Amino acid sequence: MKPRMLLKPALTIIGLADNGTQTDPAYEHLWAQLNQRYIEIPQADPDAGYGLHTFAGGTHQYLA
């Protein structure tokens, strides 16, 4: 699969985070918790969901 770049307007990402390592399994537990709290997120798009990995200062964090 060839990577592609999409340019989108700025957006705000809201979710639940978990610290871990690159070898952690999928974060289904975060998605389940987020699903239970979905109604708390104003203007949430029911057709969009993002998994965001950040790496800073030698640490890894995943945001569902």
N, C-alpha and C. Protein backbone atom coordinates (compact mmCIF):
# COMPACT_ATOMS: atom_id res chain seq x y z
N MET A 1 0.85 -1.17 0.00
CA MET A 1 0.00 0.00 0.00
C MET A 1 0.89 1.23 0.00
N LYS A 2 0.62 2.13 -0.90
CA LYS A 2 1.39 3.36 -1.00
C LYS A 2 0.81 4.40 -0.05
N PRO A 3 1.64 5.03 0.80
CA PRO A 3 1.14 6.08 1.70
C PRO A 3 0.61 7.26 0.90
N ARG A 4 -0.36 7.94 1.47
CA ARG A 4 -0.87 9.15 0.85
C ARG A 4 -1.02 10.22 1.91
N MET A 5 -0.89 11.45 1.50
CA MET A 5 -1.03 12.58 2.41
C MET A 5 -2.35 13.28 2.14
N LEU A 6 -3.11 13.46 3.19
CA LEU A 6 -4.37 14.19 3.09
C LEU A 6 -4.25 15.49 3.86
N LEU A 7 -4.62 16.57 3.27
CA LEU A 7 -4.62 17.85 3.94
C LEU A 7 -6.05 18.14 4.38
N LYS A 8 -6.22 18.35 5.67
CA LYS A 8 -7.54 18.59 6.25
C LYS A 8 -7.48 19.86 7.09
N PRO A 9 -8.65 20.49 7.33
CA PRO A 9 -8.66 21.65 8.22
C PRO A 9 -8.30 21.21 9.64
N ALA A 10 -7.92 22.15 10.45
CA ALA A 10 -7.56 21.85 11.84
C ALA A 10 -8.75 21.20 12.54
N LEU A 11 -8.45 20.31 13.48
CA LEU A 11 -9.49 19.67 14.26
C LEU A 11 -8.99 19.43 15.66
N THR A 12 -9.92 19.22 16.56
CA THR A 12 -9.59 18.92 17.94
C THR A 12 -9.82 17.44 18.17
N ILE A 13 -8.83 16.78 18.75
CA ILE A 13 -8.93 15.35 19.05
C ILE A 13 -9.19 15.21 20.55
N ILE A 14 -10.27 14.52 20.90
CA ILE A 14 -10.62 14.27 22.30
C ILE A 14 -10.73 12.77 22.47
N GLY A 15 -10.18 12.26 23.56
CA GLY A 15 -10.28 10.82 23.76
C GLY A 15 -9.70 10.39 25.08
N LEU A 16 -9.38 9.11 25.14
CA LEU A 16 -8.79 8.51 26.32
C LEU A 16 -7.39 8.03 25.97
N ALA A 17 -6.44 8.27 26.86
CA ALA A 17 -5.04 7.95 26.59
C ALA A 17 -4.55 6.81 27.47
N ASP A 18 -3.55 6.11 26.95
CA ASP A 18 -2.90 5.03 27.68
C ASP A 18 -1.41 5.08 27.35
N ASN A 19 -0.58 5.01 28.38
CA ASN A 19 0.85 4.94 28.16
C ASN A 19 1.23 3.49 27.92
N GLY A 20 2.22 3.28 27.10
CA GLY A 20 2.63 1.91 26.82
C GLY A 20 3.88 1.88 25.98
N THR A 21 4.08 0.75 25.36
CA THR A 21 5.24 0.58 24.49
C THR A 21 4.74 0.24 23.10
N GLN A 22 5.63 0.32 22.15
CA GLN A 22 5.26 0.02 20.77
C GLN A 22 4.83 -1.44 20.61
N THR A 23 5.17 -2.30 21.53
CA THR A 23 4.83 -3.71 21.41
C THR A 23 3.52 -4.06 22.11
N ASP A 24 2.85 -3.05 22.71
CA ASP A 24 1.56 -3.32 23.36
C ASP A 24 0.55 -3.82 22.33
N PRO A 25 -0.37 -4.69 22.76
CA PRO A 25 -1.43 -5.13 21.84
C PRO A 25 -2.37 -3.98 21.52
N ALA A 26 -3.32 -4.23 20.67
CA ALA A 26 -4.31 -3.20 20.32
C ALA A 26 -4.97 -2.68 21.59
N TYR A 27 -5.46 -1.49 21.51
CA TYR A 27 -6.04 -0.82 22.68
C TYR A 27 -7.57 -0.89 22.68
N GLU A 28 -8.10 -2.10 22.56
CA GLU A 28 -9.56 -2.27 22.54
C GLU A 28 -10.21 -1.74 23.81
N HIS A 29 -9.52 -1.85 24.94
CA HIS A 29 -10.10 -1.40 26.21
C HIS A 29 -10.37 0.11 26.19
N LEU A 30 -9.50 0.88 25.55
CA LEU A 30 -9.74 2.32 25.45
C LEU A 30 -10.94 2.62 24.57
N TRP A 31 -11.06 1.91 23.46
CA TRP A 31 -12.18 2.13 22.56
C TRP A 31 -13.49 1.75 23.23
N ALA A 32 -13.49 0.70 24.04
CA ALA A 32 -14.71 0.29 24.76
C ALA A 32 -15.11 1.36 25.77
N GLN A 33 -14.13 1.90 26.50
CA GLN A 33 -14.42 2.95 27.48
C GLN A 33 -14.91 4.22 26.78
N LEU A 34 -14.27 4.56 25.67
CA LEU A 34 -14.66 5.75 24.92
C LEU A 34 -16.08 5.59 24.38
N ASN A 35 -16.42 4.41 23.92
CA ASN A 35 -17.76 4.16 23.41
C ASN A 35 -18.82 4.40 24.49
N GLN A 36 -18.52 4.03 25.72
CA GLN A 36 -19.45 4.24 26.83
C GLN A 36 -19.62 5.73 27.16
N ARG A 37 -18.63 6.54 26.85
CA ARG A 37 -18.66 7.97 27.19
C ARG A 37 -18.87 8.86 25.98
N TYR A 38 -19.17 8.28 24.85
CA TYR A 38 -19.30 9.01 23.59
C TYR A 38 -20.27 10.18 23.69
N ILE A 39 -21.35 10.00 24.40
CA ILE A 39 -22.38 11.05 24.51
C ILE A 39 -21.85 12.32 25.18
N GLU A 40 -20.75 12.20 25.93
CA GLU A 40 -20.17 13.35 26.62
C GLU A 40 -19.37 14.27 25.70
N ILE A 41 -19.13 13.84 24.48
CA ILE A 41 -18.27 14.60 23.57
C ILE A 41 -19.14 15.46 22.65
N PRO A 42 -19.11 16.79 22.85
CA PRO A 42 -19.94 17.66 22.01
C PRO A 42 -19.45 17.64 20.55
N GLN A 43 -20.39 17.67 19.64
CA GLN A 43 -20.11 17.73 18.21
C GLN A 43 -19.28 16.55 17.71
N ALA A 44 -19.38 15.41 18.37
CA ALA A 44 -18.63 14.23 17.93
C ALA A 44 -19.18 13.73 16.60
N ASP A 45 -18.31 13.27 15.75
CA ASP A 45 -18.69 12.71 14.45
C ASP A 45 -18.81 11.20 14.61
N PRO A 46 -20.01 10.64 14.50
CA PRO A 46 -20.18 9.20 14.71
C PRO A 46 -19.51 8.35 13.63
N ASP A 47 -19.10 8.97 12.54
CA ASP A 47 -18.47 8.23 11.45
C ASP A 47 -16.95 8.34 11.45
N ALA A 48 -16.38 8.97 12.47
CA ALA A 48 -14.93 9.16 12.49
C ALA A 48 -14.36 8.73 13.83
N GLY A 49 -13.23 8.07 13.78
CA GLY A 49 -12.49 7.69 14.98
C GLY A 49 -11.02 7.64 14.63
N TYR A 50 -10.19 8.05 15.55
CA TYR A 50 -8.76 8.12 15.29
C TYR A 50 -8.00 7.44 16.41
N GLY A 51 -6.96 6.74 16.06
CA GLY A 51 -6.00 6.21 17.01
C GLY A 51 -4.71 7.00 16.81
N LEU A 52 -4.30 7.71 17.82
CA LEU A 52 -3.16 8.61 17.69
C LEU A 52 -2.02 8.13 18.58
N HIS A 53 -0.90 7.82 17.97
CA HIS A 53 0.31 7.44 18.70
C HIS A 53 1.22 8.66 18.80
N THR A 54 1.72 8.94 19.99
CA THR A 54 2.70 10.01 20.15
C THR A 54 3.94 9.43 20.81
N PHE A 55 5.08 9.96 20.41
CA PHE A 55 6.37 9.53 20.95
C PHE A 55 7.14 10.79 21.32
N ALA A 56 7.37 10.97 22.61
CA ALA A 56 8.10 12.16 23.06
C ALA A 56 8.93 11.79 24.28
N GLY A 57 10.14 12.25 24.29
CA GLY A 57 11.01 12.02 25.44
C GLY A 57 11.20 10.55 25.78
N GLY A 58 11.18 9.70 24.78
CA GLY A 58 11.37 8.27 25.00
C GLY A 58 10.12 7.55 25.51
N THR A 59 8.99 8.24 25.54
CA THR A 59 7.76 7.59 25.99
C THR A 59 6.76 7.51 24.84
N HIS A 60 5.89 6.54 24.95
CA HIS A 60 4.86 6.32 23.95
C HIS A 60 3.50 6.46 24.60
N GLN A 61 2.58 7.13 23.92
CA GLN A 61 1.22 7.25 24.42
C GLN A 61 0.27 7.01 23.25
N TYR A 62 -0.83 6.32 23.53
CA TYR A 62 -1.85 6.07 22.52
C TYR A 62 -3.13 6.76 22.97
N LEU A 63 -3.75 7.49 22.05
CA LEU A 63 -5.00 8.18 22.33
C LEU A 63 -6.07 7.62 21.40
N ALA A 64 -7.14 7.09 22.01
CA ALA A 64 -8.29 6.60 21.23
C ALA A 64 -9.33 7.68 21.18
